[in-house]
Amino acid sequence: MRIFIMVLAIVLAAAGGGLAYRYYQQAAVSVGELEEERYKRMVAEEDYEKQRQKAKSLESKLKKSEQRVTNLENKVEKISAINDDMKLRLEKSAQIQKQLEQKIIEFEASSPQI
């Protein structure tokens, strides 16, 4: 009976050792997967931060570009107003010139009679 108990104890010890080894391997695989997942998550967070910084940079560039466009539109409006004013002045000058030419012609026509 002692032999039977010793054999049974050895078999149980071997089975326990085998199960412990198997669970150890599974735990090692799980730890490896966990570390891989952590690494992937860390890389994803870094990529997210980089993309967020790029987005902020692009937004600030967009705001600057919109401001430049607004400034250019204002300048174009001012130049357009100046051009319109110059056209009006040119037209007035042309009318005055025509009036003066008519007065000169009238004066020349009336001066031989004098």
PDB file of N, CA and C in Angstrom:
ATOM      1  N   MET A   1       0.820  -1.170   0.000  1.00  0.00           N
ATOM      2  CA  MET A   1       0.000   0.000   0.000  1.00  0.00           C
ATOM      3  C   MET A   1       0.880   1.257   0.000  1.00  0.00           C
ATOM      4  N   ARG A   2       1.995   1.147   0.682  1.00  0.00           N
ATOM      5  CA  ARG A   2       2.892   2.294   0.691  1.00  0.00           C
ATOM      6  C   ARG A   2       3.401   2.585  -0.709  1.00  0.00           C
ATOM      7  N   ILE A   3       3.668   1.580  -1.415  1.00  0.00           N
ATOM      8  CA  ILE A   3       4.176   1.745  -2.776  1.00  0.00           C
ATOM      9  C   ILE A   3       3.096   2.417  -3.635  1.00  0.00           C
ATOM     10  N   PHE A   4       1.885   1.982  -3.438  1.00  0.00           N
ATOM     11  CA  PHE A   4       0.777   2.563  -4.200  1.00  0.00           C
ATOM     12  C   PHE A   4       0.634   4.057  -3.887  1.00  0.00           C
ATOM     13  N   ILE A   5       0.725   4.403  -2.624  1.00  0.00           N
ATOM     14  CA  ILE A   5       0.592   5.806  -2.204  1.00  0.00           C
ATOM     15  C   ILE A   5       1.777   6.614  -2.746  1.00  0.00           C
ATOM     16  N   MET A   6       2.983   6.029  -2.727  1.00  0.00           N
ATOM     17  CA  MET A   6       4.159   6.726  -3.249  1.00  0.00           C
ATOM     18  C   MET A   6       4.033   6.941  -4.763  1.00  0.00           C
ATOM     19  N   VAL A   7       3.578   5.925  -5.454  1.00  0.00           N
ATOM     20  CA  VAL A   7       3.400   6.049  -6.907  1.00  0.00           C
ATOM     21  C   VAL A   7       2.337   7.102  -7.207  1.00  0.00           C
ATOM     22  N   LEU A   8       1.248   7.021  -6.417  1.00  0.00           N
ATOM     23  CA  LEU A   8       0.177   7.992  -6.593  1.00  0.00           C
ATOM     24  C   LEU A   8       0.685   9.404  -6.293  1.00  0.00           C
ATOM     25  N   ALA A   9       1.491   9.574  -5.276  1.00  0.00           N
ATOM     26  CA  ALA A   9       2.052  10.866  -4.918  1.00  0.00           C
ATOM     27  C   ALA A   9       2.980  11.360  -6.018  1.00  0.00           C
ATOM     28  N   ILE A  10       3.778  10.454  -6.574  1.00  0.00           N
ATOM     29  CA  ILE A  10       4.699  10.827  -7.663  1.00  0.00           C
ATOM     30  C   ILE A  10       3.901  11.238  -8.900  1.00  0.00           C
ATOM     31  N   VAL A  11       2.860  10.460  -9.209  1.00  0.00           N
ATOM     32  CA  VAL A  11       2.025  10.774 -10.377  1.00  0.00           C
ATOM     33  C   VAL A  11       1.339  12.121 -10.172  1.00  0.00           C
ATOM     34  N   LEU A  12       0.794  12.326  -8.957  1.00  0.00           N
ATOM     35  CA  LEU A  12       0.145  13.596  -8.667  1.00  0.00           C
ATOM     36  C   LEU A  12       1.144  14.758  -8.714  1.00  0.00           C
ATOM     37  N   ALA A  13       2.334  14.542  -8.192  1.00  0.00           N
ATOM     38  CA  ALA A  13       3.368  15.574  -8.221  1.00  0.00           C
ATOM     39  C   ALA A  13       3.774  15.882  -9.660  1.00  0.00           C
ATOM     40  N   ALA A  14       3.921  14.834 -10.483  1.00  0.00           N
ATOM     41  CA  ALA A  14       4.282  15.041 -11.888  1.00  0.00           C
ATOM     42  C   ALA A  14       3.155  15.778 -12.615  1.00  0.00           C
ATOM     43  N   ALA A  15       1.909  15.363 -12.360  1.00  0.00           N
ATOM     44  CA  ALA A  15       0.760  16.026 -12.992  1.00  0.00           C
ATOM     45  C   ALA A  15       0.693  17.486 -12.541  1.00  0.00           C
ATOM     46  N   GLY A  16       0.905  17.730 -11.258  1.00  0.00           N
ATOM     47  CA  GLY A  16       0.895  19.102 -10.742  1.00  0.00           C
ATOM     48  C   GLY A  16       2.000  19.933 -11.368  1.00  0.00           C
ATOM     49  N   GLY A  17       3.191  19.313 -11.484  1.00  0.00           N
ATOM     50  CA  GLY A  17       4.303  20.021 -12.123  1.00  0.00           C
ATOM     51  C   GLY A  17       4.002  20.325 -13.585  1.00  0.00           C
ATOM     52  N   GLY A  18       3.404  19.342 -14.278  1.00  0.00           N
ATOM     53  CA  GLY A  18       3.039  19.543 -15.689  1.00  0.00           C
ATOM     54  C   GLY A  18       2.003  20.650 -15.843  1.00  0.00           C
ATOM     55  N   LEU A  19       0.990  20.623 -14.974  1.00  0.00           N
ATOM     56  CA  LEU A  19      -0.033  21.666 -15.042  1.00  0.00           C
ATOM     57  C   LEU A  19       0.561  23.038 -14.718  1.00  0.00           C
ATOM     58  N   ALA A  20       1.440  23.079 -13.723  1.00  0.00           N
ATOM     59  CA  ALA A  20       2.078  24.338 -13.353  1.00  0.00           C
ATOM     60  C   ALA A  20       2.901  24.877 -14.524  1.00  0.00           C
ATOM     61  N   TYR A  21       3.633  24.000 -15.200  1.00  0.00           N
ATOM     62  CA  TYR A  21       4.440  24.400 -16.351  1.00  0.00           C
ATOM     63  C   TYR A  21       3.546  24.921 -17.479  1.00  0.00           C
ATOM     64  N   ARG A  22       2.443  24.213 -17.719  1.00  0.00           N
ATOM     65  CA  ARG A  22       1.505  24.613 -18.777  1.00  0.00           C
ATOM     66  C   ARG A  22       0.915  25.989 -18.468  1.00  0.00           C
ATOM     67  N   TYR A  23       0.480  26.215 -17.248  1.00  0.00           N
ATOM     68  CA  TYR A  23      -0.078  27.503 -16.885  1.00  0.00           C
ATOM     69  C   TYR A  23       0.985  28.598 -16.905  1.00  0.00           C
ATOM     70  N   TYR A  24       2.211  28.236 -16.584  1.00  0.00           N
ATOM     71  CA  TYR A  24       3.309  29.194 -16.657  1.00  0.00           C
ATOM     72  C   TYR A  24       3.501  29.654 -18.106  1.00  0.00           C
ATOM     73  N   GLN A  25       3.480  28.698 -19.042  1.00  0.00           N
ATOM     74  CA  GLN A  25       3.628  29.040 -20.456  1.00  0.00           C
ATOM     75  C   GLN A  25       2.472  29.933 -20.919  1.00  0.00           C
ATOM     76  N   GLN A  26       1.256  29.605 -20.534  1.00  0.00           N
ATOM     77  CA  GLN A  26       0.105  30.414 -20.908  1.00  0.00           C
ATOM     78  C   GLN A  26       0.226  31.822 -20.325  1.00  0.00           C
ATOM     79  N   ALA A  27       0.704  31.907 -19.091  1.00  0.00           N
ATOM     80  CA  ALA A  27       0.888  33.213 -18.457  1.00  0.00           C
ATOM     81  C   ALA A  27       1.956  34.014 -19.198  1.00  0.00           C
ATOM     82  N   ALA A  28       3.038  33.350 -19.611  1.00  0.00           N
ATOM     83  CA  ALA A  28       4.099  34.031 -20.348  1.00  0.00           C
ATOM     84  C   ALA A  28       3.565  34.554 -21.686  1.00  0.00           C
ATOM     85  N   VAL A  29       2.756  33.749 -22.362  1.00  0.00           N
ATOM     86  CA  VAL A  29       2.158  34.182 -23.628  1.00  0.00           C
ATOM     87  C   VAL A  29       1.231  35.360 -23.375  1.00  0.00           C
ATOM     88  N   SER A  30       0.438  35.292 -22.322  1.00  0.00           N
ATOM     89  CA  SER A  30      -0.488  36.385 -21.996  1.00  0.00           C
ATOM     90  C   SER A  30       0.265  37.663 -21.671  1.00  0.00           C
ATOM     91  N   VAL A  31       1.370  37.542 -20.931  1.00  0.00           N
ATOM     92  CA  VAL A  31       2.174  38.714 -20.613  1.00  0.00           C
ATOM     93  C   VAL A  31       2.761  39.312 -21.891  1.00  0.00           C
ATOM     94  N   GLY A  32       3.225  38.457 -22.791  1.00  0.00           N
ATOM     95  CA  GLY A  32       3.758  38.944 -24.076  1.00  0.00           C
ATOM     96  C   GLY A  32       2.690  39.668 -24.883  1.00  0.00           C
ATOM     97  N   GLU A  33       1.487  39.089 -24.930  1.00  0.00           N
ATOM     98  CA  GLU A  33       0.394  39.739 -25.648  1.00  0.00           C
ATOM     99  C   GLU A  33       0.025  41.067 -24.996  1.00  0.00           C
ATOM    100  N   LEU A  34       0.026  41.093 -23.666  1.00  0.00           N
ATOM    101  CA  LEU A  34      -0.298  42.310 -22.941  1.00  0.00           C
ATOM    102  C   LEU A  34       0.726  43.406 -23.251  1.00  0.00           C
ATOM    103  N   GLU A  35       2.002  43.053 -23.236  1.00  0.00           N
ATOM    104  CA  GLU A  35       3.045  44.028 -23.533  1.00  0.00           C
ATOM    105  C   GLU A  35       2.952  44.507 -24.970  1.00  0.00           C
ATOM    106  N   GLU A  36       2.629  43.603 -25.883  1.00  0.00           N
ATOM    107  CA  GLU A  36       2.457  43.995 -27.285  1.00  0.00           C
ATOM    108  C   GLU A  36       1.283  44.968 -27.422  1.00  0.00           C
ATOM    109  N   GLU A  37       0.204  44.678 -26.732  1.00  0.00           N
ATOM    110  CA  GLU A  37      -0.968  45.559 -26.753  1.00  0.00           C
ATOM    111  C   GLU A  37      -0.631  46.927 -26.165  1.00  0.00           C
ATOM    112  N   ARG A  38       0.122  46.938 -25.083  1.00  0.00           N
ATOM    113  CA  ARG A  38       0.540  48.208 -24.472  1.00  0.00           C
ATOM    114  C   ARG A  38       1.404  49.010 -25.443  1.00  0.00           C
ATOM    115  N   TYR A  39       2.318  48.322 -26.119  1.00  0.00           N
ATOM    116  CA  TYR A  39       3.187  48.986 -27.078  1.00  0.00           C
ATOM    117  C   TYR A  39       2.365  49.586 -28.217  1.00  0.00           C
ATOM    118  N   LYS A  40       1.424  48.798 -28.734  1.00  0.00           N
ATOM    119  CA  LYS A  40       0.576  49.293 -29.824  1.00  0.00           C
ATOM    120  C   LYS A  40      -0.238  50.494 -29.369  1.00  0.00           C
ATOM    121  N   ARG A  41      -0.747  50.435 -28.167  1.00  0.00           N
ATOM    122  CA  ARG A  41      -1.542  51.538 -27.637  1.00  0.00           C
ATOM    123  C   ARG A  41      -0.668  52.785 -27.468  1.00  0.00           C
ATOM    124  N   MET A  42       0.555  52.596 -26.974  1.00  0.00           N
ATOM    125  CA  MET A  42       1.474  53.710 -26.784  1.00  0.00           C
ATOM    126  C   MET A  42       1.810  54.351 -28.134  1.00  0.00           C
ATOM    127  N   VAL A  43       2.084  53.520 -29.135  1.00  0.00           N
ATOM    128  CA  VAL A  43       2.386  54.039 -30.474  1.00  0.00           C
ATOM    129  C   VAL A  43       1.174  54.777 -31.037  1.00  0.00           C
ATOM    130  N   ALA A  44      -0.012  54.218 -30.838  1.00  0.00           N
ATOM    131  CA  ALA A  44      -1.229  54.864 -31.331  1.00  0.00           C
ATOM    132  C   ALA A  44      -1.441  56.219 -30.652  1.00  0.00           C
ATOM    133  N   GLU A  45      -1.180  56.297 -29.350  1.00  0.00           N
ATOM    134  CA  GLU A  45      -1.323  57.562 -28.638  1.00  0.00           C
ATOM    135  C   GLU A  45      -0.318  58.595 -29.136  1.00  0.00           C
ATOM    136  N   GLU A  46       0.910  58.160 -29.403  1.00  0.00           N
ATOM    137  CA  GLU A  46       1.914  59.078 -29.934  1.00  0.00           C
ATOM    138  C   GLU A  46       1.500  59.581 -31.315  1.00  0.00           C
ATOM    139  N   ASP A  47       1.018  58.668 -32.162  1.00  0.00           N
ATOM    140  CA  ASP A  47       0.553  59.064 -33.487  1.00  0.00           C
ATOM    141  C   ASP A  47      -0.623  60.031 -33.381  1.00  0.00           C
ATOM    142  N   TYR A  48      -1.510  59.758 -32.442  1.00  0.00           N
ATOM    143  CA  TYR A  48      -2.655  60.641 -32.230  1.00  0.00           C
ATOM    144  C   TYR A  48      -2.199  62.042 -31.835  1.00  0.00           C
ATOM    145  N   GLU A  49      -1.229  62.119 -30.938  1.00  0.00           N
ATOM    146  CA  GLU A  49      -0.710  63.420 -30.507  1.00  0.00           C
ATOM    147  C   GLU A  49      -0.066  64.160 -31.673  1.00  0.00           C
ATOM    148  N   LYS A  50       0.706  63.429 -32.482  1.00  0.00           N
ATOM    149  CA  LYS A  50       1.347  64.057 -33.638  1.00  0.00           C
ATOM    150  C   LYS A  50       0.289  64.594 -34.597  1.00  0.00           C
ATOM    151  N   GLN A  51      -0.735  63.792 -34.858  1.00  0.00           N
ATOM    152  CA  GLN A  51      -1.795  64.221 -35.770  1.00  0.00           C
ATOM    153  C   GLN A  51      -2.570  65.414 -35.193  1.00  0.00           C
ATOM    154  N   ARG A  52      -2.782  65.402 -33.897  1.00  0.00           N
ATOM    155  CA  ARG A  52      -3.482  66.510 -33.257  1.00  0.00           C
ATOM    156  C   ARG A  52      -2.659  67.793 -33.368  1.00  0.00           C
ATOM    157  N   GLN A  53      -1.341  67.679 -33.180  1.00  0.00           N
ATOM    158  CA  GLN A  53      -0.468  68.842 -33.321  1.00  0.00           C
ATOM    159  C   GLN A  53      -0.483  69.359 -34.761  1.00  0.00           C
ATOM    160  N   LYS A  54      -0.460  68.421 -35.722  1.00  0.00           N
ATOM    161  CA  LYS A  54      -0.527  68.829 -37.124  1.00  0.00           C
ATOM    162  C   LYS A  54      -1.844  69.539 -37.408  1.00  0.00           C
ATOM    163  N   ALA A  55      -2.925  69.024 -36.855  1.00  0.00           N
ATOM    164  CA  ALA A  55      -4.237  69.643 -37.062  1.00  0.00           C
ATOM    165  C   ALA A  55      -4.247  71.055 -36.487  1.00  0.00           C
ATOM    166  N   LYS A  56      -3.688  71.231 -35.292  1.00  0.00           N
ATOM    167  CA  LYS A  56      -3.627  72.567 -34.699  1.00  0.00           C
ATOM    168  C   LYS A  56      -2.794  73.498 -35.568  1.00  0.00           C
ATOM    169  N   SER A  57      -1.667  72.986 -36.056  1.00  0.00           N
ATOM    170  CA  SER A  57      -0.799  73.786 -36.913  1.00  0.00           C
ATOM    171  C   SER A  57      -1.533  74.195 -38.187  1.00  0.00           C
ATOM    172  N   LEU A  58      -2.232  73.248 -38.785  1.00  0.00           N
ATOM    173  CA  LEU A  58      -2.973  73.546 -40.010  1.00  0.00           C
ATOM    174  C   LEU A  58      -4.112  74.532 -39.740  1.00  0.00           C
ATOM    175  N   GLU A  59      -4.756  74.398 -38.590  1.00  0.00           N
ATOM    176  CA  GLU A  59      -5.823  75.344 -38.244  1.00  0.00           C
ATOM    177  C   GLU A  59      -5.274  76.752 -38.090  1.00  0.00           C
ATOM    178  N   SER A  60      -4.112  76.874 -37.451  1.00  0.00           N
ATOM    179  CA  SER A  60      -3.526  78.207 -37.281  1.00  0.00           C
ATOM    180  C   SER A  60      -3.095  78.769 -38.634  1.00  0.00           C
ATOM    181  N   LYS A  61      -2.552  77.918 -39.508  1.00  0.00           N
ATOM    182  CA  LYS A  61      -2.187  78.375 -40.846  1.00  0.00           C
ATOM    183  C   LYS A  61      -3.428  78.807 -41.622  1.00  0.00           C
ATOM    184  N   LEU A  62      -4.513  78.063 -41.448  1.00  0.00           N
ATOM    185  CA  LEU A  62      -5.762  78.416 -42.119  1.00  0.00           C
ATOM    186  C   LEU A  62      -6.271  79.768 -41.637  1.00  0.00           C
ATOM    187  N   LYS A  63      -6.213  80.008 -40.331  1.00  0.00           N
ATOM    188  CA  LYS A  63      -6.650  81.299 -39.794  1.00  0.00           C
ATOM    189  C   LYS A  63      -5.789  82.432 -40.340  1.00  0.00           C
ATOM    190  N   LYS A  64      -4.472  82.200 -40.405  1.00  0.00           N
ATOM    191  CA  LYS A  64      -3.581  83.222 -40.949  1.00  0.00           C
ATOM    192  C   LYS A  64      -3.900  83.479 -42.423  1.00  0.00           C
ATOM    193  N   SER A  65      -4.158  82.413 -43.158  1.00  0.00           N
ATOM    194  CA  SER A  65      -4.489  82.563 -44.578  1.00  0.00           C
ATOM    195  C   SER A  65      -5.809  83.304 -44.742  1.00  0.00           C
ATOM    196  N   GLU A  66      -6.785  82.987 -43.910  1.00  0.00           N
ATOM    197  CA  GLU A  66      -8.065  83.690 -43.985  1.00  0.00           C
ATOM    198  C   GLU A  66      -7.881  85.171 -43.666  1.00  0.00           C
ATOM    199  N   GLN A  67      -7.027  85.478 -42.702  1.00  0.00           N
ATOM    200  CA  GLN A  67      -6.749  86.872 -42.368  1.00  0.00           C
ATOM    201  C   GLN A  67      -6.081  87.574 -43.540  1.00  0.00           C
ATOM    202  N   ARG A  68      -5.143  86.890 -44.186  1.00  0.00           N
ATOM    203  CA  ARG A  68      -4.480  87.478 -45.347  1.00  0.00           C
ATOM    204  C   ARG A  68      -5.485  87.743 -46.459  1.00  0.00           C
ATOM    205  N   VAL A  69      -6.385  86.779 -46.685  1.00  0.00           N
ATOM    206  CA  VAL A  69      -7.407  86.946 -47.718  1.00  0.00           C
ATOM    207  C   VAL A  69      -8.287  88.141 -47.389  1.00  0.00           C
ATOM    208  N   THR A  70      -8.677  88.263 -46.134  1.00  0.00           N
ATOM    209  CA  THR A  70      -9.501  89.403 -45.714  1.00  0.00           C
ATOM    210  C   THR A  70      -8.757  90.714 -45.946  1.00  0.00           C
ATOM    211  N   ASN A  71      -7.483  90.757 -45.586  1.00  0.00           N
ATOM    212  CA  ASN A  71      -6.681  91.965 -45.805  1.00  0.00           C
ATOM    213  C   ASN A  71      -6.577  92.294 -47.288  1.00  0.00           C
ATOM    214  N   LEU A  72      -6.351  91.256 -48.107  1.00  0.00           N
ATOM    215  CA  LEU A  72      -6.250  91.484 -49.551  1.00  0.00           C
ATOM    216  C   LEU A  72      -7.587  91.963 -50.124  1.00  0.00           C
ATOM    217  N   GLU A  73      -8.692  91.414 -49.626  1.00  0.00           N
ATOM    218  CA  GLU A  73     -10.004  91.863 -50.099  1.00  0.00           C
ATOM    219  C   GLU A  73     -10.229  93.325 -49.742  1.00  0.00           C
ATOM    220  N   ASN A  74      -9.818  93.700 -48.528  1.00  0.00           N
ATOM    221  CA  ASN A  74      -9.939  95.101 -48.122  1.00  0.00           C
ATOM    222  C   ASN A  74      -9.103  96.006 -49.021  1.00  0.00           C
ATOM    223  N   LYS A  75      -7.881  95.581 -49.327  1.00  0.00           N
ATOM    224  CA  LYS A  75      -7.016  96.372 -50.200  1.00  0.00           C
ATOM    225  C   LYS A  75      -7.618  96.489 -51.597  1.00  0.00           C
ATOM    226  N   VAL A  76      -8.174  95.375 -52.089  1.00  0.00           N
ATOM    227  CA  VAL A  76      -8.801  95.401 -53.419  1.00  0.00           C
ATOM    228  C   VAL A  76      -9.977  96.366 -53.424  1.00  0.00           C
ATOM    229  N   GLU A  77     -10.767  96.363 -52.354  1.00  0.00           N
ATOM    230  CA  GLU A  77     -11.895  97.293 -52.267  1.00  0.00           C
ATOM    231  C   GLU A  77     -11.416  98.742 -52.260  1.00  0.00           C
ATOM    232  N   LYS A  78     -10.345  99.006 -51.501  1.00  0.00           N
ATOM    233  CA  LYS A  78      -9.802 100.361 -51.464  1.00  0.00           C
ATOM    234  C   LYS A  78      -9.293 100.781 -52.837  1.00  0.00           C
ATOM    235  N   ILE A  79      -8.572  99.879 -53.495  1.00  0.00           N
ATOM    236  CA  ILE A  79      -8.038 100.188 -54.823  1.00  0.00           C
ATOM    237  C   ILE A  79      -9.185 100.392 -55.806  1.00  0.00           C
ATOM    238  N   SER A  80     -10.215  99.582 -55.681  1.00  0.00           N
ATOM    239  CA  SER A  80     -11.376  99.724 -56.555  1.00  0.00           C
ATOM    240  C   SER A  80     -12.048 101.077 -56.332  1.00  0.00           C
ATOM    241  N   ALA A  81     -12.166 101.468 -55.071  1.00  0.00           N
ATOM    242  CA  ALA A  81     -12.756 102.774 -54.773  1.00  0.00           C
ATOM    243  C   ALA A  81     -11.894 103.897 -55.344  1.00  0.00           C
ATOM    244  N   ILE A  82     -10.587 103.767 -55.224  1.00  0.00           N
ATOM    245  CA  ILE A  82      -9.668 104.765 -55.774  1.00  0.00           C
ATOM    246  C   ILE A  82      -9.804 104.816 -57.295  1.00  0.00           C
ATOM    247  N   ASN A  83      -9.903 103.648 -57.928  1.00  0.00           N
ATOM    248  CA  ASN A  83     -10.057 103.601 -59.385  1.00  0.00           C
ATOM    249  C   ASN A  83     -11.360 104.265 -59.815  1.00  0.00           C
ATOM    250  N   ASP A  84     -12.431 103.987 -59.081  1.00  0.00           N
ATOM    251  CA  ASP A  84     -13.715 104.611 -59.412  1.00  0.00           C
ATOM    252  C   ASP A  84     -13.616 106.130 -59.278  1.00  0.00           C
ATOM    253  N   ASP A  85     -12.978 106.587 -58.214  1.00  0.00           N
ATOM    254  CA  ASP A  85     -12.800 108.026 -58.017  1.00  0.00           C
ATOM    255  C   ASP A  85     -11.971 108.623 -59.149  1.00  0.00           C
ATOM    256  N   MET A  86     -10.918 107.937 -59.529  1.00  0.00           N
ATOM    257  CA  MET A  86     -10.066 108.429 -60.616  1.00  0.00           C
ATOM    258  C   MET A  86     -10.846 108.473 -61.937  1.00  0.00           C
ATOM    259  N   LYS A  87     -11.700 107.475 -62.165  1.00  0.00           N
ATOM    260  CA  LYS A  87     -12.517 107.493 -63.384  1.00  0.00           C
ATOM    261  C   LYS A  87     -13.445 108.713 -63.393  1.00  0.00           C
ATOM    262  N   LEU A  88     -14.074 108.956 -62.230  1.00  0.00           N
ATOM    263  CA  LEU A  88     -14.955 110.124 -62.155  1.00  0.00           C
ATOM    264  C   LEU A  88     -14.178 111.415 -62.406  1.00  0.00           C
ATOM    265  N   ARG A  89     -13.018 111.537 -61.825  1.00  0.00           N
ATOM    266  CA  ARG A  89     -12.196 112.730 -62.025  1.00  0.00           C
ATOM    267  C   ARG A  89     -11.776 112.867 -63.495  1.00  0.00           C
ATOM    268  N   LEU A  90     -11.439 111.729 -64.105  1.00  0.00           N
ATOM    269  CA  LEU A  90     -11.042 111.751 -65.510  1.00  0.00           C
ATOM    270  C   LEU A  90     -12.215 112.193 -66.381  1.00  0.00           C
ATOM    271  N   GLU A  91     -13.397 111.674 -66.090  1.00  0.00           N
ATOM    272  CA  GLU A  91     -14.576 112.076 -66.849  1.00  0.00           C
ATOM    273  C   GLU A  91     -14.862 113.563 -66.668  1.00  0.00           C
ATOM    274  N   LYS A  92     -14.756 114.055 -65.436  1.00  0.00           N
ATOM    275  CA  LYS A  92     -14.966 115.482 -65.181  1.00  0.00           C
ATOM    276  C   LYS A  92     -13.918 116.311 -65.920  1.00  0.00           C
ATOM    277  N   SER A  93     -12.671 115.828 -65.872  1.00  0.00           N
ATOM    278  CA  SER A  93     -11.604 116.543 -66.580  1.00  0.00           C
ATOM    279  C   SER A  93     -11.881 116.575 -68.077  1.00  0.00           C
ATOM    280  N   ALA A  94     -12.364 115.467 -68.622  1.00  0.00           N
ATOM    281  CA  ALA A  94     -12.674 115.414 -70.050  1.00  0.00           C
ATOM    282  C   ALA A  94     -13.814 116.380 -70.374  1.00  0.00           C
ATOM    283  N   GLN A  95     -14.825 116.456 -69.510  1.00  0.00           N
ATOM    284  CA  GLN A  95     -15.928 117.390 -69.735  1.00  0.00           C
ATOM    285  C   GLN A  95     -15.433 118.834 -69.672  1.00  0.00           C
ATOM    286  N   ILE A  96     -14.603 119.116 -68.673  1.00  0.00           N
ATOM    287  CA  ILE A  96     -14.055 120.477 -68.548  1.00  0.00           C
ATOM    288  C   ILE A  96     -13.211 120.816 -69.769  1.00  0.00           C
ATOM    289  N   GLN A  97     -12.418 119.845 -70.249  1.00  0.00           N
ATOM    290  CA  GLN A  97     -11.579 120.083 -71.419  1.00  0.00           C
ATOM    291  C   GLN A  97     -12.454 120.378 -72.636  1.00  0.00           C
ATOM    292  N   LYS A  98     -13.537 119.609 -72.803  1.00  0.00           N
ATOM    293  CA  LYS A  98     -14.441 119.857 -73.930  1.00  0.00           C
ATOM    294  C   LYS A  98     -15.074 121.239 -73.823  1.00  0.00           C
ATOM    295  N   GLN A  99     -15.476 121.616 -72.612  1.00  0.00           N
ATOM    296  CA  GLN A  99     -16.069 122.932 -72.418  1.00  0.00           C
ATOM    297  C   GLN A  99     -15.062 124.033 -72.736  1.00  0.00           C
ATOM    298  N   LEU A 100     -13.829 123.822 -72.279  1.00  0.00           N
ATOM    299  CA  LEU A 100     -12.793 124.828 -72.567  1.00  0.00           C
ATOM    300  C   LEU A 100     -12.508 124.909 -74.062  1.00  0.00           C
ATOM    301  N   GLU A 101     -12.466 123.763 -74.727  1.00  0.00           N
ATOM    302  CA  GLU A 101     -12.231 123.766 -76.170  1.00  0.00           C
ATOM    303  C   GLU A 101     -13.365 124.497 -76.897  1.00  0.00           C
ATOM    304  N   GLN A 102     -14.613 124.276 -76.446  1.00  0.00           N
ATOM    305  CA  GLN A 102     -15.739 124.975 -77.063  1.00  0.00           C
ATOM    306  C   GLN A 102     -15.625 126.488 -76.818  1.00  0.00           C
ATOM    307  N   LYS A 103     -15.229 126.871 -75.609  1.00  0.00           N
ATOM    308  CA  LYS A 103     -15.078 128.291 -75.313  1.00  0.00           C
ATOM    309  C   LYS A 103     -13.961 128.900 -76.145  1.00  0.00           C
ATOM    310  N   ILE A 104     -12.883 128.124 -76.352  1.00  0.00           N
ATOM    311  CA  ILE A 104     -11.777 128.619 -77.194  1.00  0.00           C
ATOM    312  C   ILE A 104     -12.274 128.813 -78.609  1.00  0.00           C
ATOM    313  N   ILE A 105     -13.032 127.824 -79.096  1.00  0.00           N
ATOM    314  CA  ILE A 105     -13.560 127.932 -80.465  1.00  0.00           C
ATOM    315  C   ILE A 105     -14.494 129.132 -80.560  1.00  0.00           C
ATOM    316  N   GLU A 106     -15.336 129.316 -79.568  1.00  0.00           N
ATOM    317  CA  GLU A 106     -16.250 130.466 -79.560  1.00  0.00           C
ATOM    318  C   GLU A 106     -15.466 131.774 -79.480  1.00  0.00           C
ATOM    319  N   PHE A 107     -14.439 131.784 -78.665  1.00  0.00           N
ATOM    320  CA  PHE A 107     -13.624 132.983 -78.516  1.00  0.00           C
ATOM    321  C   PHE A 107     -12.913 133.311 -79.819  1.00  0.00           C
ATOM    322  N   GLU A 108     -12.351 132.270 -80.453  1.00  0.00           N
ATOM    323  CA  GLU A 108     -11.665 132.489 -81.725  1.00  0.00           C
ATOM    324  C   GLU A 108     -12.653 132.945 -82.784  1.00  0.00           C
ATOM    325  N   ALA A 109     -13.851 132.411 -82.728  1.00  0.00           N
ATOM    326  CA  ALA A 109     -14.856 132.819 -83.726  1.00  0.00           C
ATOM    327  C   ALA A 109     -15.285 134.262 -83.492  1.00  0.00           C
ATOM    328  N   SER A 110     -15.361 134.670 -82.279  1.00  0.00           N
ATOM    329  CA  SER A 110     -15.793 136.023 -81.991  1.00  0.00           C
ATOM    330  C   SER A 110     -14.646 137.034 -82.066  1.00  0.00           C
ATOM    331  N   SER A 111     -13.405 136.607 -81.964  1.00  0.00           N
ATOM    332  CA  SER A 111     -12.305 137.562 -81.972  1.00  0.00           C
ATOM    333  C   SER A 111     -12.026 138.163 -83.359  1.00  0.00           C
ATOM    334  N   PRO A 112     -12.196 137.518 -84.497  1.00  0.00           N
ATOM    335  CA  PRO A 112     -11.957 138.227 -85.755  1.00  0.00           C
ATOM    336  C   PRO A 112     -12.979 139.334 -85.959  1.00  0.00           C
ATOM    337  N   GLN A 113     -14.094 139.223 -85.386  1.00  0.00           N
ATOM    338  CA  GLN A 113     -15.104 140.256 -85.546  1.00  0.00           C
ATOM    339  C   GLN A 113     -14.726 141.507 -84.752  1.00  0.00           C
ATOM    340  N   ILE A 114     -13.954 141.350 -83.767  1.00  0.00           N
ATOM    341  CA  ILE A 114     -13.620 142.509 -82.942  1.00  0.00           C
ATOM    342  C   ILE A 114     -12.592 143.320 -83.604  1.00  0.00           C
TER     343      ILE A 114
END
